[in-house]
Amino acid sequence: MRTVNVADLKDRLSAYLRQVREGEEFLIKDRTRPIALIVPLSARESGDADIEALVASGRARPAQTSLASAFWSLPAPRISLARASGAVAADRDESE
């Protein structure tokens, strides 16, 4: 991880962002005080540009696990086939 001063970041922002896209991480300092960390979003599993924009703006957090693995590890619902088919039949009767 490289360290960059705010003034240098402002002067060469495009060059630093190009390096971030290539996987480089930067610690941003205001004089001697660290104030921010710039890391590439491509390193995360998120491929959706809208979600990446929300994460970058601080309005969302990236998922800790993928939805598929989290979903399939949940227990299956416990409902009998007779009860389920009765509910479907009742729903059909109401819609007619």
C-alpha atoms as a PDB file:
ATOM      1  CA  MET A   1       0.000   0.000   0.000  1.00  0.00           C
ATOM      2  CA  ARG A   2       1.338   3.383  -0.985  1.00  0.00           C
ATOM      3  CA  THR A   3       0.896   6.680   0.874  1.00  0.00           C
ATOM      4  CA  VAL A   4      -0.205   9.836  -0.957  1.00  0.00           C
ATOM      5  CA  ASN A   5      -0.664  13.409   0.256  1.00  0.00           C
ATOM      6  CA  VAL A   6      -3.924  15.197  -0.578  1.00  0.00           C
ATOM      7  CA  ALA A   7      -2.188  17.834  -2.727  1.00  0.00           C
ATOM      8  CA  ASP A   8      -0.441  15.168  -4.824  1.00  0.00           C
ATOM      9  CA  LEU A   9      -3.691  13.219  -5.153  1.00  0.00           C
ATOM     10  CA  LYS A  10      -5.490  16.307  -6.442  1.00  0.00           C
ATOM     11  CA  ASP A  11      -2.746  17.030  -8.970  1.00  0.00           C
ATOM     12  CA  ARG A  12      -2.549  13.473 -10.343  1.00  0.00           C
ATOM     13  CA  LEU A  13      -5.984  12.008  -9.634  1.00  0.00           C
ATOM     14  CA  SER A  14      -6.394  10.297 -13.010  1.00  0.00           C
ATOM     15  CA  ALA A  15      -3.042   8.545 -12.712  1.00  0.00           C
ATOM     16  CA  TYR A  16      -3.821   7.327  -9.194  1.00  0.00           C
ATOM     17  CA  LEU A  17      -7.273   6.085 -10.207  1.00  0.00           C
ATOM     18  CA  ARG A  18      -5.720   4.164 -13.086  1.00  0.00           C
ATOM     19  CA  GLN A  19      -3.401   2.468 -10.588  1.00  0.00           C
ATOM     20  CA  VAL A  20      -6.356   1.693  -8.309  1.00  0.00           C
ATOM     21  CA  ARG A  21      -8.108  -0.011 -11.238  1.00  0.00           C
ATOM     22  CA  GLU A  22      -4.974  -2.141 -11.623  1.00  0.00           C
ATOM     23  CA  GLY A  23      -5.247  -3.259  -7.997  1.00  0.00           C
ATOM     24  CA  GLU A  24      -3.091  -0.738  -6.120  1.00  0.00           C
ATOM     25  CA  GLU A  25      -4.254   0.587  -2.722  1.00  0.00           C
ATOM     26  CA  PHE A  26      -3.516   4.098  -1.458  1.00  0.00           C
ATOM     27  CA  LEU A  27      -3.526   5.586   2.028  1.00  0.00           C
ATOM     28  CA  ILE A  28      -4.431   9.270   1.759  1.00  0.00           C
ATOM     29  CA  LYS A  29      -2.852  11.666   4.260  1.00  0.00           C
ATOM     30  CA  ASP A  30      -3.581  15.294   5.061  1.00  0.00           C
ATOM     31  CA  ARG A  31      -0.118  16.445   6.096  1.00  0.00           C
ATOM     32  CA  THR A  32       0.817  13.595   8.458  1.00  0.00           C
ATOM     33  CA  ARG A  33      -2.667  12.439   9.466  1.00  0.00           C
ATOM     34  CA  PRO A  34      -4.231   9.485   7.582  1.00  0.00           C
ATOM     35  CA  ILE A  35      -7.747  10.407   6.436  1.00  0.00           C
ATOM     36  CA  ALA A  36      -8.818   7.866   3.798  1.00  0.00           C
ATOM     37  CA  LEU A  37      -8.023   4.602   2.099  1.00  0.00           C
ATOM     38  CA  ILE A  38      -8.643   4.093  -1.619  1.00  0.00           C
ATOM     39  CA  VAL A  39      -9.025   0.452  -2.630  1.00  0.00           C
ATOM     40  CA  PRO A  40     -10.236  -1.076  -5.901  1.00  0.00           C
ATOM     41  CA  LEU A  41     -13.867  -2.213  -6.001  1.00  0.00           C
ATOM     42  CA  SER A  42     -13.018  -4.811  -8.627  1.00  0.00           C
ATOM     43  CA  ALA A  43     -11.371  -6.874  -5.894  1.00  0.00           C
ATOM     44  CA  ARG A  44     -14.799  -7.474  -4.453  1.00  0.00           C
ATOM     45  CA  GLU A  45     -17.321  -9.909  -5.880  1.00  0.00           C
ATOM     46  CA  SER A  46     -19.800  -7.145  -6.648  1.00  0.00           C
ATOM     47  CA  GLY A  47     -20.216  -6.751 -10.392  1.00  0.00           C
ATOM     48  CA  ASP A  48     -23.208  -4.425 -10.372  1.00  0.00           C
ATOM     49  CA  ALA A  49     -22.274  -0.821 -11.117  1.00  0.00           C
ATOM     50  CA  ASP A  50     -25.236   0.542  -9.124  1.00  0.00           C
ATOM     51  CA  ILE A  51     -24.215  -1.367  -6.014  1.00  0.00           C
ATOM     52  CA  GLU A  52     -20.586  -0.316  -6.455  1.00  0.00           C
ATOM     53  CA  ALA A  53     -21.713   3.322  -6.620  1.00  0.00           C
ATOM     54  CA  LEU A  54     -23.728   2.907  -3.408  1.00  0.00           C
ATOM     55  CA  VAL A  55     -20.749   1.309  -1.665  1.00  0.00           C
ATOM     56  CA  ALA A  56     -18.444   4.090  -2.857  1.00  0.00           C
ATOM     57  CA  SER A  57     -20.857   6.760  -1.572  1.00  0.00           C
ATOM     58  CA  GLY A  58     -21.124   5.057   1.809  1.00  0.00           C
ATOM     59  CA  ARG A  59     -24.851   4.261   1.455  1.00  0.00           C
ATOM     60  CA  ALA A  60     -24.320   0.491   1.316  1.00  0.00           C
ATOM     61  CA  ARG A  61     -21.875  -2.100   2.567  1.00  0.00           C
ATOM     62  CA  PRO A  62     -20.593  -4.981   0.451  1.00  0.00           C
ATOM     63  CA  ALA A  63     -21.981  -8.406   1.273  1.00  0.00           C
ATOM     64  CA  GLN A  64     -19.912 -10.622   3.536  1.00  0.00           C
ATOM     65  CA  THR A  65     -21.033 -13.800   1.717  1.00  0.00           C
ATOM     66  CA  SER A  66     -22.647 -14.439  -1.638  1.00  0.00           C
ATOM     67  CA  LEU A  67     -26.416 -14.762  -1.661  1.00  0.00           C
ATOM     68  CA  ALA A  68     -26.339 -18.257  -3.115  1.00  0.00           C
ATOM     69  CA  SER A  69     -24.199 -19.749  -0.358  1.00  0.00           C
ATOM     70  CA  ALA A  70     -26.139 -17.908   2.343  1.00  0.00           C
ATOM     71  CA  PHE A  71     -29.476 -18.997   0.879  1.00  0.00           C
ATOM     72  CA  TRP A  72     -28.660 -22.679   0.489  1.00  0.00           C
ATOM     73  CA  SER A  73     -27.303 -22.944   4.006  1.00  0.00           C
ATOM     74  CA  LEU A  74     -30.690 -21.930   5.481  1.00  0.00           C
ATOM     75  CA  PRO A  75     -32.957 -24.699   6.799  1.00  0.00           C
ATOM     76  CA  ALA A  76     -35.807 -25.779   4.512  1.00  0.00           C
ATOM     77  CA  PRO A  77     -39.338 -24.736   5.502  1.00  0.00           C
ATOM     78  CA  ARG A  78     -41.341 -27.406   7.331  1.00  0.00           C
ATOM     79  CA  ILE A  79     -44.748 -27.668   5.690  1.00  0.00           C
ATOM     80  CA  SER A  80     -46.545 -30.838   4.724  1.00  0.00           C
ATOM     81  CA  LEU A  81     -47.459 -31.557   1.113  1.00  0.00           C
ATOM     82  CA  ALA A  82     -51.142 -31.912   2.065  1.00  0.00           C
ATOM     83  CA  ARG A  83     -51.167 -28.512   3.755  1.00  0.00           C
ATOM     84  CA  ALA A  84     -49.375 -26.881   0.810  1.00  0.00           C
ATOM     85  CA  SER A  85     -51.730 -28.383  -1.782  1.00  0.00           C
ATOM     86  CA  GLY A  86     -54.718 -27.341   0.340  1.00  0.00           C
ATOM     87  CA  ALA A  87     -53.448 -23.760   0.426  1.00  0.00           C
ATOM     88  CA  VAL A  88     -53.001 -23.752  -3.355  1.00  0.00           C
ATOM     89  CA  ALA A  89     -56.527 -25.127  -3.857  1.00  0.00           C
ATOM     90  CA  ALA A  90     -57.985 -22.517  -1.508  1.00  0.00           C
ATOM     91  CA  ASP A  91     -56.136 -19.757  -3.348  1.00  0.00           C
ATOM     92  CA  ARG A  92     -57.521 -21.006  -6.683  1.00  0.00           C
ATOM     93  CA  ASP A  93     -61.057 -21.063  -5.295  1.00  0.00           C
ATOM     94  CA  GLU A  94     -60.772 -17.442  -4.115  1.00  0.00           C
ATOM     95  CA  SER A  95     -59.516 -16.194  -7.469  1.00  0.00           C
ATOM     96  CA  GLU A  96     -62.508 -17.632  -9.412  1.00  0.00           C
END
